[in-house]
């Protein structure tokens, strides 16, 4: 039996195409660089992956693989998770899933997505164990629903390696100045092309992604150390304590200290 290598979770949450795509009824073609699993929240549009397509309905899970060409006819609102995994048993299972899968018990898949979102947005590193277990549960549930005669299809590498290396570099150097110019130069792409590739791969622009990762690390430090807000801001790469507090409150709807107090009070209940 092949080893199960846990995936890197690039992004996870709820996507609403109508809020992102303005004045168009169809999204632009894009090439995927990772595994993308989506559960529609409403009916009405059409999903296109390579030479296949399927009406967007609530009982169909969409499973796109690295290297595929995607676009969508709106409306499209879904739960989603984007994953990077390059080898092992999990890689093979994900590679073998069909692009579109009719699920009998969508309530089970929806429950898994909601639980993943809850654990993902806490920003606490200890939650990663629960999050990874939910990812495995999701993949196992999808595998049970997949036809047995599917042929394993190897995803294309293309730009996936570049994005994976960039994400790893960001996570390992979160306190550094991570600009579009420096990262695109590191990837040996033009800033414009790198920006398009990064957003198509992660669903976020570079600033949004970096700030989200900085806030996740900040929450971990806030709850597990006695560091001051100024120290946390420095360790996480924020330009100042005041900007850190501003970004934190905008994201979490409360100040860093209020958040920490609420989390500690939950322990005592």
Protein backbone atom coordinates (compact mmCIF):
# COMPACT_ATOMS: atom_id res chain seq x y z
CA UNK A 1 0.00 0.00 0.00
CA UNK A 2 1.33 3.41 -0.98
CA UNK A 3 2.03 6.03 1.66
CA UNK A 4 -0.64 8.65 2.35
CA UNK A 5 1.03 12.04 1.96
CA UNK A 6 -1.08 14.81 3.43
CA UNK A 7 -1.93 17.69 1.09
CA UNK A 8 -1.06 21.35 1.36
CA UNK A 9 -4.31 23.29 1.72
CA UNK A 10 -3.95 26.40 -0.44
CA UNK A 11 -7.40 27.89 0.05
CA UNK A 12 -10.75 26.86 1.48
CA UNK A 13 -14.10 28.55 1.89
CA UNK A 14 -17.14 29.78 -0.05
CA UNK A 15 -16.84 31.22 -3.56
CA UNK A 16 -19.45 33.45 -5.19
CA UNK A 17 -18.64 34.12 -8.86
CA UNK A 18 -21.19 36.93 -9.11
CA UNK A 19 -19.20 39.00 -6.59
CA UNK A 20 -15.92 38.44 -8.43
CA UNK A 21 -16.93 38.51 -12.11
CA UNK A 22 -18.49 41.81 -13.14
CA UNK A 23 -20.48 42.48 -16.32
CA UNK A 24 -19.95 38.95 -17.71
CA UNK A 25 -22.01 35.78 -17.72
CA UNK A 26 -19.05 33.42 -18.20
CA UNK A 27 -15.69 33.22 -16.44
CA UNK A 28 -12.46 33.28 -18.43
CA UNK A 29 -10.61 30.08 -19.34
CA UNK A 30 -7.91 29.22 -16.83
CA UNK A 31 -5.50 26.32 -16.39
CA UNK A 32 -5.63 24.68 -12.97
CA UNK A 33 -2.39 24.11 -11.08
CA UNK A 34 -3.73 21.98 -8.21
CA UNK A 35 -6.67 19.79 -7.21
CA UNK A 36 -9.92 21.76 -6.87
CA UNK A 37 -12.95 20.17 -5.16
CA UNK A 38 -16.23 22.11 -5.18
CA UNK A 39 -19.78 21.54 -3.96
CA UNK A 40 -22.30 23.92 -5.61
CA UNK A 41 -24.66 25.81 -3.30
CA UNK A 42 -27.26 26.56 -5.96
CA UNK A 43 -28.35 25.50 -9.44
CA UNK A 44 -28.34 27.39 -12.69
CA UNK A 45 -24.94 27.59 -14.42
CA UNK A 46 -22.72 25.20 -16.36
CA UNK A 47 -19.22 23.99 -15.47
CA UNK A 48 -16.71 23.20 -18.24
CA UNK A 49 -13.53 21.15 -17.69
CA UNK A 50 -11.47 20.27 -20.78
CA UNK A 51 -13.87 18.42 -23.10
CA UNK A 52 -16.46 17.70 -20.39
CA UNK A 53 -19.28 19.85 -19.03
CA UNK A 54 -22.12 19.49 -16.56
CA UNK A 55 -25.04 21.62 -15.38
CA UNK A 56 -24.32 23.13 -11.98
CA UNK A 57 -26.65 21.37 -9.56
CA UNK A 58 -26.46 20.89 -5.81
CA UNK A 59 -25.95 17.12 -5.87
CA UNK A 60 -22.87 17.17 -8.16
CA UNK A 61 -19.35 17.56 -6.78
CA UNK A 62 -16.80 19.09 -9.17
CA UNK A 63 -13.30 17.58 -9.04
CA UNK A 64 -10.76 19.43 -11.23
CA UNK A 65 -7.17 18.22 -11.58
CA UNK A 66 -3.88 20.08 -12.21
CA UNK A 67 -3.39 20.98 -15.87
CA UNK A 68 -7.06 21.04 -16.82
CA UNK A 69 -8.72 24.00 -18.57
CA UNK A 70 -11.77 25.37 -16.75
CA UNK A 71 -14.44 27.99 -17.19
CA UNK A 72 -17.95 28.43 -15.83
CA UNK A 73 -21.23 29.85 -17.04
CA UNK A 74 -22.77 31.79 -14.17
CA UNK A 75 -24.45 31.70 -11.71
CA UNK A 76 -21.97 29.75 -9.60
CA UNK A 77 -21.71 29.71 -5.82
CA UNK A 78 -19.95 26.84 -4.06
CA UNK A 79 -18.02 25.46 -1.12
CA UNK A 80 -14.46 24.80 -2.27
CA UNK A 81 -11.05 23.49 -1.26
CA UNK A 82 -7.84 23.76 -3.33
CA UNK A 83 -5.11 21.22 -2.54
CA UNK A 84 -1.54 20.45 -3.55
CA UNK A 85 -0.41 16.83 -3.34
CA UNK A 86 2.13 15.32 -5.75
CA UNK A 87 2.48 11.65 -4.89
CA UNK A 88 1.23 8.78 -2.77
CA UNK A 89 -2.14 7.12 -2.33
CA UNK A 90 -4.09 10.35 -1.86
CA UNK A 91 -2.65 11.73 -5.10
CA UNK A 92 -3.76 8.64 -7.01
CA UNK A 93 -7.27 8.70 -5.55
CA UNK A 94 -7.74 12.37 -6.40
CA UNK A 95 -6.32 11.85 -9.90
CA UNK A 96 -8.79 9.04 -10.54
CA UNK A 97 -11.92 10.92 -9.50
CA UNK A 98 -14.23 11.96 -12.37
CA UNK A 99 -14.62 15.65 -13.13
CA UNK A 100 -18.28 15.51 -12.07
CA UNK A 101 -19.74 13.19 -9.47
CA UNK A 102 -23.38 12.80 -8.54
CA UNK A 103 -23.58 12.39 -4.75
CA UNK A 104 -26.53 10.74 -3.06
CA UNK A 105 -25.86 12.22 0.38
CA UNK A 106 -24.90 15.80 -0.32
CA UNK A 107 -25.71 16.65 3.30
CA UNK A 108 -22.69 14.58 4.39
CA UNK A 109 -20.35 16.36 1.95
CA UNK A 110 -21.80 19.75 2.94
CA UNK A 111 -21.24 18.95 6.61
CA UNK A 112 -17.59 18.11 5.90
CA UNK A 113 -17.08 21.39 4.03
CA UNK A 114 -18.68 23.43 6.82
CA UNK A 115 -16.49 21.72 9.42
CA UNK A 116 -13.36 22.31 7.32
CA UNK A 117 -14.20 26.00 6.94
CA UNK A 118 -14.75 26.33 10.69
CA UNK A 119 -11.38 24.79 11.56
CA UNK A 120 -9.51 26.54 8.73
CA UNK A 121 -10.50 30.06 9.69
CA UNK A 122 -9.50 29.79 13.33
CA UNK A 123 -5.91 30.30 12.20
CA UNK A 124 -4.65 28.06 15.04
CA UNK A 125 -1.90 25.66 13.96
CA UNK A 126 -3.18 22.90 16.27
CA UNK A 127 -6.39 22.82 14.23
CA UNK A 128 -4.43 21.41 11.26
CA UNK A 129 -4.78 17.85 12.59
CA UNK A 130 -8.57 18.07 12.57
CA UNK A 131 -8.50 19.84 9.21
CA UNK A 132 -6.37 17.15 7.58
CA UNK A 133 -8.64 14.43 9.00
CA UNK A 134 -11.62 16.19 7.41
CA UNK A 135 -9.80 16.37 4.06
CA UNK A 136 -9.20 12.62 4.22
CA UNK A 137 -12.84 12.05 5.13
CA UNK A 138 -13.95 14.15 2.16
CA UNK A 139 -11.71 12.27 -0.28
CA UNK A 140 -12.84 8.92 1.15
CA UNK A 141 -16.50 9.94 0.75
CA UNK A 142 -15.91 10.97 -2.86
CA UNK A 143 -14.02 7.76 -3.63
CA UNK A 144 -16.96 5.71 -2.35
CA UNK A 145 -19.21 7.53 -4.81
CA UNK A 146 -16.84 7.23 -7.80
CA UNK A 147 -17.39 4.52 -10.44
CA UNK A 148 -15.01 1.58 -10.09
CA UNK A 149 -13.93 1.56 -13.74
CA UNK A 150 -12.24 4.97 -13.75
CA UNK A 151 -8.78 5.15 -15.35
CA UNK A 152 -6.02 6.93 -13.46
CA UNK A 153 -5.07 10.12 -15.25
CA UNK A 154 -1.81 11.87 -14.40
CA UNK A 155 -2.25 15.63 -14.01
CA UNK A 156 0.05 17.86 -16.02
CA UNK A 157 2.73 19.70 -14.10
CA UNK A 158 2.91 22.92 -16.16
CA UNK A 159 3.01 25.86 -13.73
CA UNK A 160 1.95 23.88 -10.67
CA UNK A 161 5.53 23.50 -9.44
CA UNK A 162 6.12 27.25 -9.62
CA UNK A 163 3.00 28.00 -7.56
CA UNK A 164 3.83 25.29 -5.04
CA UNK A 165 7.36 26.65 -4.59
CA UNK A 166 6.01 30.18 -4.24
CA UNK A 167 3.51 29.16 -1.55
CA UNK A 168 6.20 27.30 0.37
CA UNK A 169 8.51 30.31 0.13
CA UNK A 170 5.79 32.64 1.41
CA UNK A 171 5.03 30.41 4.39
CA UNK A 172 8.72 30.04 5.26
CA UNK A 173 9.48 33.75 4.89
CA UNK A 174 6.26 35.34 6.13
CA UNK A 175 8.12 38.06 8.07
CA UNK A 176 9.94 39.26 4.93
CA UNK A 177 8.73 41.83 2.40
CA UNK A 178 6.82 39.69 -0.10
CA UNK A 179 6.11 41.85 -3.13
CA UNK A 180 4.72 40.96 -6.54
CA UNK A 181 7.97 42.14 -8.13
CA UNK A 182 10.26 40.05 -5.92
CA UNK A 183 8.18 36.87 -6.11
CA UNK A 184 7.59 37.11 -9.86
CA UNK A 185 11.34 37.62 -10.36
CA UNK A 186 11.99 34.58 -8.19
CA UNK A 187 9.53 32.57 -10.31
CA UNK A 188 11.14 33.93 -13.51
CA UNK A 189 7.81 35.29 -14.79
CA UNK A 190 6.69 38.79 -15.64
CA UNK A 191 4.73 40.45 -12.81
CA UNK A 192 1.56 40.55 -14.95
CA UNK A 193 1.70 36.85 -15.88
CA UNK A 194 2.69 35.83 -12.36
CA UNK A 195 -0.24 37.80 -10.91
CA UNK A 196 -2.70 36.06 -13.27
CA UNK A 197 -1.24 32.63 -12.55
CA UNK A 198 -1.23 33.16 -8.79
CA UNK A 199 -4.82 34.37 -8.67
CA UNK A 200 -6.05 31.61 -10.98
CA UNK A 201 -4.34 29.03 -8.75
CA UNK A 202 -5.29 30.32 -5.31
CA UNK A 203 -8.44 32.34 -5.94
CA UNK A 204 -6.76 35.34 -4.26
CA UNK A 205 -4.36 38.02 -5.36
CA UNK A 206 -0.90 38.00 -3.79
CA UNK A 207 -1.65 40.70 -1.19
CA UNK A 208 -4.82 38.92 -0.01
CA UNK A 209 -3.07 35.56 0.28
CA UNK A 210 -0.01 36.89 2.11
CA UNK A 211 -2.11 38.91 4.55
CA UNK A 212 -4.30 35.88 5.27
CA UNK A 213 -1.23 33.76 6.06
CA UNK A 214 0.21 36.52 8.26
CA UNK A 215 -3.04 36.73 10.22
CA UNK A 216 -3.12 32.95 10.68
CA UNK A 217 0.40 33.02 12.15
CA UNK A 218 -0.48 36.07 14.25
CA UNK A 219 -3.44 34.25 15.80
CA UNK A 220 -1.22 31.32 16.65
CA UNK A 221 1.35 33.59 18.35
CA UNK A 222 -1.38 35.59 20.07
CA UNK A 223 -2.81 32.47 21.72
CA UNK A 224 0.37 30.51 22.38
CA UNK A 225 2.93 33.13 23.47
CA UNK A 226 3.23 36.20 25.68
CA UNK A 227 4.58 38.34 22.86
CA UNK A 228 3.42 41.95 22.62
CA UNK A 229 1.33 43.10 19.68
CA UNK A 230 4.37 44.96 18.33
CA UNK A 231 6.47 41.79 18.48
CA UNK A 232 3.74 39.75 16.79
CA UNK A 233 3.39 42.37 14.05
CA UNK A 234 7.14 42.20 13.42
CA UNK A 235 7.29 38.38 13.44
CA UNK A 236 4.41 38.15 10.96
CA UNK A 237 5.69 40.76 8.53
CA UNK A 238 3.18 43.57 9.15
CA UNK A 239 4.52 47.06 8.50
CA UNK A 240 3.48 48.30 11.94
CA UNK A 241 1.51 47.38 15.04
CA UNK A 242 -1.25 49.77 14.05
CA UNK A 243 -1.66 48.19 10.61
CA UNK A 244 -1.62 44.72 12.18
CA UNK A 245 -4.45 45.72 14.54
CA UNK A 246 -6.37 47.31 11.65
CA UNK A 247 -6.04 44.23 9.42
CA UNK A 248 -6.91 41.90 12.29
CA UNK A 249 -10.07 43.80 13.24
CA UNK A 250 -11.16 44.02 9.60
CA UNK A 251 -10.84 40.25 9.24
CA UNK A 252 -12.02 39.05 12.67
CA UNK A 253 -14.44 41.88 13.60
CA UNK A 254 -12.60 42.45 16.89
CA UNK A 255 -9.19 43.58 18.11
CA UNK A 256 -6.38 41.06 18.68
CA UNK A 257 -6.70 41.31 22.47
CA UNK A 258 -10.49 40.95 22.34
CA UNK A 259 -10.07 37.85 20.20
CA UNK A 260 -7.55 36.29 22.58
CA UNK A 261 -9.76 37.05 25.59
CA UNK A 262 -12.79 35.44 23.92
CA UNK A 263 -10.79 32.34 23.03
CA UNK A 264 -9.46 31.97 26.59
CA UNK A 265 -12.96 32.45 28.05
CA UNK A 266 -14.23 29.60 25.88
CA UNK A 267 -11.77 27.32 27.65
CA UNK A 268 -13.27 28.17 31.03
CA UNK A 269 -16.87 27.48 30.00
